[in-house]
């Protein structure tokens, strides 16, 4: 199950929740009870491993 990061625009409370893809996003802050919660999106790290991903990995002539 994916984990989502949320932040309340009203009080600044940060929290994470595990939710199914079918669940509706959380909109109410569990701390201040305001409907100011939004998902926080961040870059996903990518790691290339193995042969062929580097500039020095050139094919033979």
PDB file of N, CA and C in Angstrom:
ATOM      1  N   UNK A   1       0.839  -1.173   0.000  1.00  0.00           N
ATOM      2  CA  UNK A   1       0.000   0.000   0.000  1.00  0.00           C
ATOM      3  C   UNK A   1       0.891   1.246   0.000  1.00  0.00           C
ATOM      4  N   UNK A   2       0.598   2.226  -0.854  1.00  0.00           N
ATOM      5  CA  UNK A   2       1.429   3.431  -0.931  1.00  0.00           C
ATOM      6  C   UNK A   2       1.279   4.323   0.303  1.00  0.00           C
ATOM      7  N   UNK A   3       2.345   5.061   0.594  1.00  0.00           N
ATOM      8  CA  UNK A   3       2.346   6.018   1.691  1.00  0.00           C
ATOM      9  C   UNK A   3       2.338   7.419   1.095  1.00  0.00           C
ATOM     10  N   UNK A   4       1.438   8.266   1.564  1.00  0.00           N
ATOM     11  CA  UNK A   4       1.305   9.626   1.056  1.00  0.00           C
ATOM     12  C   UNK A   4       1.654  10.624   2.145  1.00  0.00           C
ATOM     13  N   UNK A   5       2.303  11.714   1.740  1.00  0.00           N
ATOM     14  CA  UNK A   5       2.694  12.782   2.654  1.00  0.00           C
ATOM     15  C   UNK A   5       1.700  13.927   2.492  1.00  0.00           C
ATOM     16  N   UNK A   6       1.158  14.417   3.615  1.00  0.00           N
ATOM     17  CA  UNK A   6       0.184  15.504   3.609  1.00  0.00           C
ATOM     18  C   UNK A   6       0.684  16.656   4.470  1.00  0.00           C
ATOM     19  N   UNK A   7       0.203  17.861   4.159  1.00  0.00           N
ATOM     20  CA  UNK A   7       0.512  19.045   4.971  1.00  0.00           C
ATOM     21  C   UNK A   7      -0.735  19.926   5.038  1.00  0.00           C
ATOM     22  N   UNK A   8      -1.017  20.440   6.243  1.00  0.00           N
ATOM     23  CA  UNK A   8      -2.145  21.337   6.444  1.00  0.00           C
ATOM     24  C   UNK A   8      -1.696  22.766   6.150  1.00  0.00           C
ATOM     25  N   UNK A   9      -2.445  23.456   5.293  1.00  0.00           N
ATOM     26  CA  UNK A   9      -2.125  24.848   4.978  1.00  0.00           C
ATOM     27  C   UNK A   9      -2.480  25.774   6.133  1.00  0.00           C
ATOM     28  N   UNK A  10      -3.404  25.371   6.989  1.00  0.00           N
ATOM     29  CA  UNK A  10      -3.842  26.214   8.101  1.00  0.00           C
ATOM     30  C   UNK A  10      -2.835  26.221   9.258  1.00  0.00           C
ATOM     31  N   UNK A  11      -2.456  25.032   9.750  1.00  0.00           N
ATOM     32  CA  UNK A  11      -1.583  24.959  10.934  1.00  0.00           C
ATOM     33  C   UNK A  11      -0.184  24.449  10.622  1.00  0.00           C
ATOM     34  N   UNK A  12       0.057  23.968   9.387  1.00  0.00           N
ATOM     35  CA  UNK A  12       1.380  23.494   9.003  1.00  0.00           C
ATOM     36  C   UNK A  12       1.706  22.082   9.448  1.00  0.00           C
ATOM     37  N   UNK A  13       0.742  21.352   9.958  1.00  0.00           N
ATOM     38  CA  UNK A  13       0.951  19.980  10.437  1.00  0.00           C
ATOM     39  C   UNK A  13       1.309  19.056   9.274  1.00  0.00           C
ATOM     40  N   UNK A  14       2.438  18.335   9.399  1.00  0.00           N
ATOM     41  CA  UNK A  14       2.879  17.351   8.404  1.00  0.00           C
ATOM     42  C   UNK A  14       2.592  15.952   8.926  1.00  0.00           C
ATOM     43  N   UNK A  15       2.062  15.094   8.050  1.00  0.00           N
ATOM     44  CA  UNK A  15       1.830  13.707   8.448  1.00  0.00           C
ATOM     45  C   UNK A  15       1.801  12.816   7.223  1.00  0.00           C
ATOM     46  N   UNK A  16       1.986  11.522   7.444  1.00  0.00           N
ATOM     47  CA  UNK A  16       1.937  10.531   6.372  1.00  0.00           C
ATOM     48  C   UNK A  16       0.847   9.514   6.676  1.00  0.00           C
ATOM     49  N   UNK A  17       0.266   8.990   5.632  1.00  0.00           N
ATOM     50  CA  UNK A  17      -0.797   7.987   5.748  1.00  0.00           C
ATOM     51  C   UNK A  17      -0.612   6.923   4.689  1.00  0.00           C
ATOM     52  N   UNK A  18      -0.836   5.679   5.069  1.00  0.00           N
ATOM     53  CA  UNK A  18      -0.877   4.591   4.092  1.00  0.00           C
ATOM     54  C   UNK A  18      -2.311   4.475   3.615  1.00  0.00           C
ATOM     55  N   UNK A  19      -2.472   4.551   2.299  1.00  0.00           N
ATOM     56  CA  UNK A  19      -3.804   4.492   1.709  1.00  0.00           C
ATOM     57  C   UNK A  19      -3.786   3.639   0.463  1.00  0.00           C
ATOM     58  N   UNK A  20      -4.908   3.030   0.194  1.00  0.00           N
ATOM     59  CA  UNK A  20      -5.089   2.281  -1.039  1.00  0.00           C
ATOM     60  C   UNK A  20      -5.243   3.268  -2.189  1.00  0.00           C
ATOM     61  N   UNK A  21      -5.010   2.812  -3.411  1.00  0.00           N
ATOM     62  CA  UNK A  21      -5.217   3.660  -4.578  1.00  0.00           C
ATOM     63  C   UNK A  21      -6.680   4.074  -4.711  1.00  0.00           C
ATOM     64  N   UNK A  22      -7.582   3.266  -4.177  1.00  0.00           N
ATOM     65  CA  UNK A  22      -9.013   3.535  -4.288  1.00  0.00           C
ATOM     66  C   UNK A  22      -9.529   4.495  -3.224  1.00  0.00           C
ATOM     67  N   UNK A  23      -8.739   4.767  -2.172  1.00  0.00           N
ATOM     68  CA  UNK A  23      -9.166   5.668  -1.101  1.00  0.00           C
ATOM     69  C   UNK A  23      -9.164   7.116  -1.581  1.00  0.00           C
ATOM     70  N   UNK A  24     -10.106   7.893  -1.068  1.00  0.00           N
ATOM     71  CA  UNK A  24     -10.129   9.327  -1.362  1.00  0.00           C
ATOM     72  C   UNK A  24      -9.006  10.023  -0.601  1.00  0.00           C
ATOM     73  N   UNK A  25      -8.448  11.099  -1.164  1.00  0.00           N
ATOM     74  CA  UNK A  25      -7.398  11.820  -0.454  1.00  0.00           C
ATOM     75  C   UNK A  25      -7.937  12.448   0.833  1.00  0.00           C
ATOM     76  N   UNK A  26      -7.062  12.596   1.816  1.00  0.00           N
ATOM     77  CA  UNK A  26      -7.449  13.215   3.084  1.00  0.00           C
ATOM     78  C   UNK A  26      -7.558  14.717   2.864  1.00  0.00           C
ATOM     79  N   UNK A  27      -8.622  15.325   3.356  1.00  0.00           N
ATOM     80  CA  UNK A  27      -8.812  16.768   3.200  1.00  0.00           C
ATOM     81  C   UNK A  27      -8.936  17.485   4.539  1.00  0.00           C
ATOM     82  N   UNK A  28      -9.250  16.759   5.617  1.00  0.00           N
ATOM     83  CA  UNK A  28      -9.436  17.373   6.935  1.00  0.00           C
ATOM     84  C   UNK A  28      -8.211  17.092   7.801  1.00  0.00           C
ATOM     85  N   UNK A  29      -7.654  18.137   8.399  1.00  0.00           N
ATOM     86  CA  UNK A  29      -6.474  18.014   9.243  1.00  0.00           C
ATOM     87  C   UNK A  29      -6.829  17.315  10.556  1.00  0.00           C
ATOM     88  N   UNK A  30      -6.071  16.282  10.945  1.00  0.00           N
ATOM     89  CA  UNK A  30      -6.360  15.594  12.210  1.00  0.00           C
ATOM     90  C   UNK A  30      -5.998  16.437  13.442  1.00  0.00           C
ATOM     91  N   UNK A  31      -5.223  17.502  13.255  1.00  0.00           N
ATOM     92  CA  UNK A  31      -4.810  18.335  14.381  1.00  0.00           C
ATOM     93  C   UNK A  31      -5.750  19.523  14.611  1.00  0.00           C
ATOM     94  N   UNK A  32      -6.055  20.291  13.547  1.00  0.00           N
ATOM     95  CA  UNK A  32      -6.886  21.491  13.719  1.00  0.00           C
ATOM     96  C   UNK A  32      -8.295  21.357  13.144  1.00  0.00           C
ATOM     97  N   UNK A  33      -8.604  20.235  12.503  1.00  0.00           N
ATOM     98  CA  UNK A  33      -9.931  19.913  11.946  1.00  0.00           C
ATOM     99  C   UNK A  33     -10.386  20.852  10.826  1.00  0.00           C
ATOM    100  N   UNK A  34      -9.459  21.538  10.187  1.00  0.00           N
ATOM    101  CA  UNK A  34      -9.808  22.398   9.055  1.00  0.00           C
ATOM    102  C   UNK A  34      -9.628  21.625   7.747  1.00  0.00           C
ATOM    103  N   UNK A  35     -10.401  22.002   6.730  1.00  0.00           N
ATOM    104  CA  UNK A  35     -10.283  21.367   5.418  1.00  0.00           C
ATOM    105  C   UNK A  35      -9.207  22.075   4.593  1.00  0.00           C
ATOM    106  N   UNK A  36      -7.966  22.017   5.059  1.00  0.00           N
ATOM    107  CA  UNK A  36      -6.859  22.689   4.400  1.00  0.00           C
ATOM    108  C   UNK A  36      -5.710  21.738   4.094  1.00  0.00           C
ATOM    109  N   UNK A  37      -5.961  20.444   4.093  1.00  0.00           N
ATOM    110  CA  UNK A  37      -4.904  19.451   3.889  1.00  0.00           C
ATOM    111  C   UNK A  37      -4.707  19.197   2.395  1.00  0.00           C
ATOM    112  N   UNK A  38      -3.438  19.189   1.981  1.00  0.00           N
ATOM    113  CA  UNK A  38      -3.076  18.905   0.596  1.00  0.00           C
ATOM    114  C   UNK A  38      -1.954  17.891   0.570  1.00  0.00           C
ATOM    115  N   UNK A  39      -1.891  17.096  -0.495  1.00  0.00           N
ATOM    116  CA  UNK A  39      -0.781  16.162  -0.673  1.00  0.00           C
ATOM    117  C   UNK A  39       0.486  16.944  -0.982  1.00  0.00           C
ATOM    118  N   UNK A  40       1.607  16.443  -0.481  1.00  0.00           N
ATOM    119  CA  UNK A  40       2.910  17.032  -0.762  1.00  0.00           C
ATOM    120  C   UNK A  40       3.607  16.120  -1.765  1.00  0.00           C
ATOM    121  N   UNK A  41       3.952  16.666  -2.921  1.00  0.00           N
ATOM    122  CA  UNK A  41       4.615  15.891  -3.967  1.00  0.00           C
ATOM    123  C   UNK A  41       6.103  16.188  -3.938  1.00  0.00           C
ATOM    124  N   UNK A  42       6.903  15.165  -4.128  1.00  0.00           N
ATOM    125  CA  UNK A  42       8.351  15.340  -4.163  1.00  0.00           C
ATOM    126  C   UNK A  42       8.929  14.452  -5.256  1.00  0.00           C
ATOM    127  N   UNK A  43      10.162  14.740  -5.624  1.00  0.00           N
ATOM    128  CA  UNK A  43      10.827  13.975  -6.669  1.00  0.00           C
ATOM    129  C   UNK A  43      11.126  12.554  -6.184  1.00  0.00           C
ATOM    130  N   UNK A  44      10.969  11.604  -7.067  1.00  0.00           N
ATOM    131  CA  UNK A  44      11.247  10.212  -6.756  1.00  0.00           C
ATOM    132  C   UNK A  44      12.694   9.919  -7.143  1.00  0.00           C
ATOM    133  N   UNK A  45      13.481   9.393  -6.221  1.00  0.00           N
ATOM    134  CA  UNK A  45      14.873   9.108  -6.581  1.00  0.00           C
ATOM    135  C   UNK A  45      14.976   7.954  -7.573  1.00  0.00           C
ATOM    136  N   UNK A  46      15.859   8.116  -8.544  1.00  0.00           N
ATOM    137  CA  UNK A  46      16.080   7.078  -9.552  1.00  0.00           C
ATOM    138  C   UNK A  46      17.550   6.677  -9.485  1.00  0.00           C
ATOM    139  N   UNK A  47      17.788   5.392  -9.469  1.00  0.00           N
ATOM    140  CA  UNK A  47      19.156   4.897  -9.413  1.00  0.00           C
ATOM    141  C   UNK A  47      19.363   3.916 -10.562  1.00  0.00           C
ATOM    142  N   UNK A  48      20.303   4.233 -11.437  1.00  0.00           N
ATOM    143  CA  UNK A  48      20.603   3.366 -12.562  1.00  0.00           C
ATOM    144  C   UNK A  48      21.764   2.458 -12.182  1.00  0.00           C
ATOM    145  N   UNK A  49      21.556   1.162 -12.288  1.00  0.00           N
ATOM    146  CA  UNK A  49      22.598   0.195 -11.962  1.00  0.00           C
ATOM    147  C   UNK A  49      22.825  -0.716 -13.162  1.00  0.00           C
ATOM    148  N   UNK A  50      24.013  -1.201 -13.257  1.00  0.00           N
ATOM    149  CA  UNK A  50      24.307  -2.171 -14.296  1.00  0.00           C
ATOM    150  C   UNK A  50      25.015  -1.572 -15.486  1.00  0.00           C
ATOM    151  N   UNK A  51      25.311  -2.412 -16.441  1.00  0.00           N
ATOM    152  CA  UNK A  51      26.057  -2.046 -17.637  1.00  0.00           C
ATOM    153  C   UNK A  51      25.189  -1.220 -18.581  1.00  0.00           C
ATOM    154  N   UNK A  52      25.776  -0.180 -19.160  1.00  0.00           N
ATOM    155  CA  UNK A  52      25.087   0.571 -20.189  1.00  0.00           C
ATOM    156  C   UNK A  52      24.521   1.909 -19.760  1.00  0.00           C
ATOM    157  N   UNK A  53      24.666   2.296 -18.492  1.00  0.00           N
ATOM    158  CA  UNK A  53      24.072   3.538 -18.026  1.00  0.00           C
ATOM    159  C   UNK A  53      25.075   4.673 -17.871  1.00  0.00           C
ATOM    160  N   UNK A  54      26.329   4.424 -18.176  1.00  0.00           N
ATOM    161  CA  UNK A  54      27.350   5.436 -17.962  1.00  0.00           C
ATOM    162  C   UNK A  54      27.981   5.854 -19.279  1.00  0.00           C
ATOM    163  N   UNK A  55      28.525   7.045 -19.334  1.00  0.00           N
ATOM    164  CA  UNK A  55      29.155   7.576 -20.535  1.00  0.00           C
ATOM    165  C   UNK A  55      30.340   6.715 -20.961  1.00  0.00           C
ATOM    166  N   UNK A  56      31.025   6.133 -19.994  1.00  0.00           N
ATOM    167  CA  UNK A  56      32.200   5.316 -20.295  1.00  0.00           C
ATOM    168  C   UNK A  56      31.830   3.912 -20.791  1.00  0.00           C
ATOM    169  N   UNK A  57      30.574   3.541 -20.728  1.00  0.00           N
ATOM    170  CA  UNK A  57      30.132   2.215 -21.192  1.00  0.00           C
ATOM    171  C   UNK A  57      29.764   2.262 -22.666  1.00  0.00           C
ATOM    172  N   UNK A  58      30.767   2.428 -23.505  1.00  0.00           N
ATOM    173  CA  UNK A  58      30.527   2.506 -24.943  1.00  0.00           C
ATOM    174  C   UNK A  58      30.705   1.122 -25.556  1.00  0.00           C
ATOM    175  N   UNK A  59      29.969   0.926 -26.639  1.00  0.00           N
ATOM    176  CA  UNK A  59      30.088  -0.364 -27.314  1.00  0.00           C
ATOM    177  C   UNK A  59      31.422  -0.432 -28.055  1.00  0.00           C
ATOM    178  N   UNK A  60      31.922  -1.627 -28.229  1.00  0.00           N
ATOM    179  CA  UNK A  60      33.188  -1.830 -28.931  1.00  0.00           C
ATOM    180  C   UNK A  60      33.065  -1.512 -30.409  1.00  0.00           C
ATOM    181  N   UNK A  61      34.194  -1.195 -31.011  1.00  0.00           N
ATOM    182  CA  UNK A  61      34.172  -0.861 -32.464  1.00  0.00           C
ATOM    183  C   UNK A  61      34.399  -2.083 -33.303  1.00  0.00           C
TER     184      UNK A  61
END
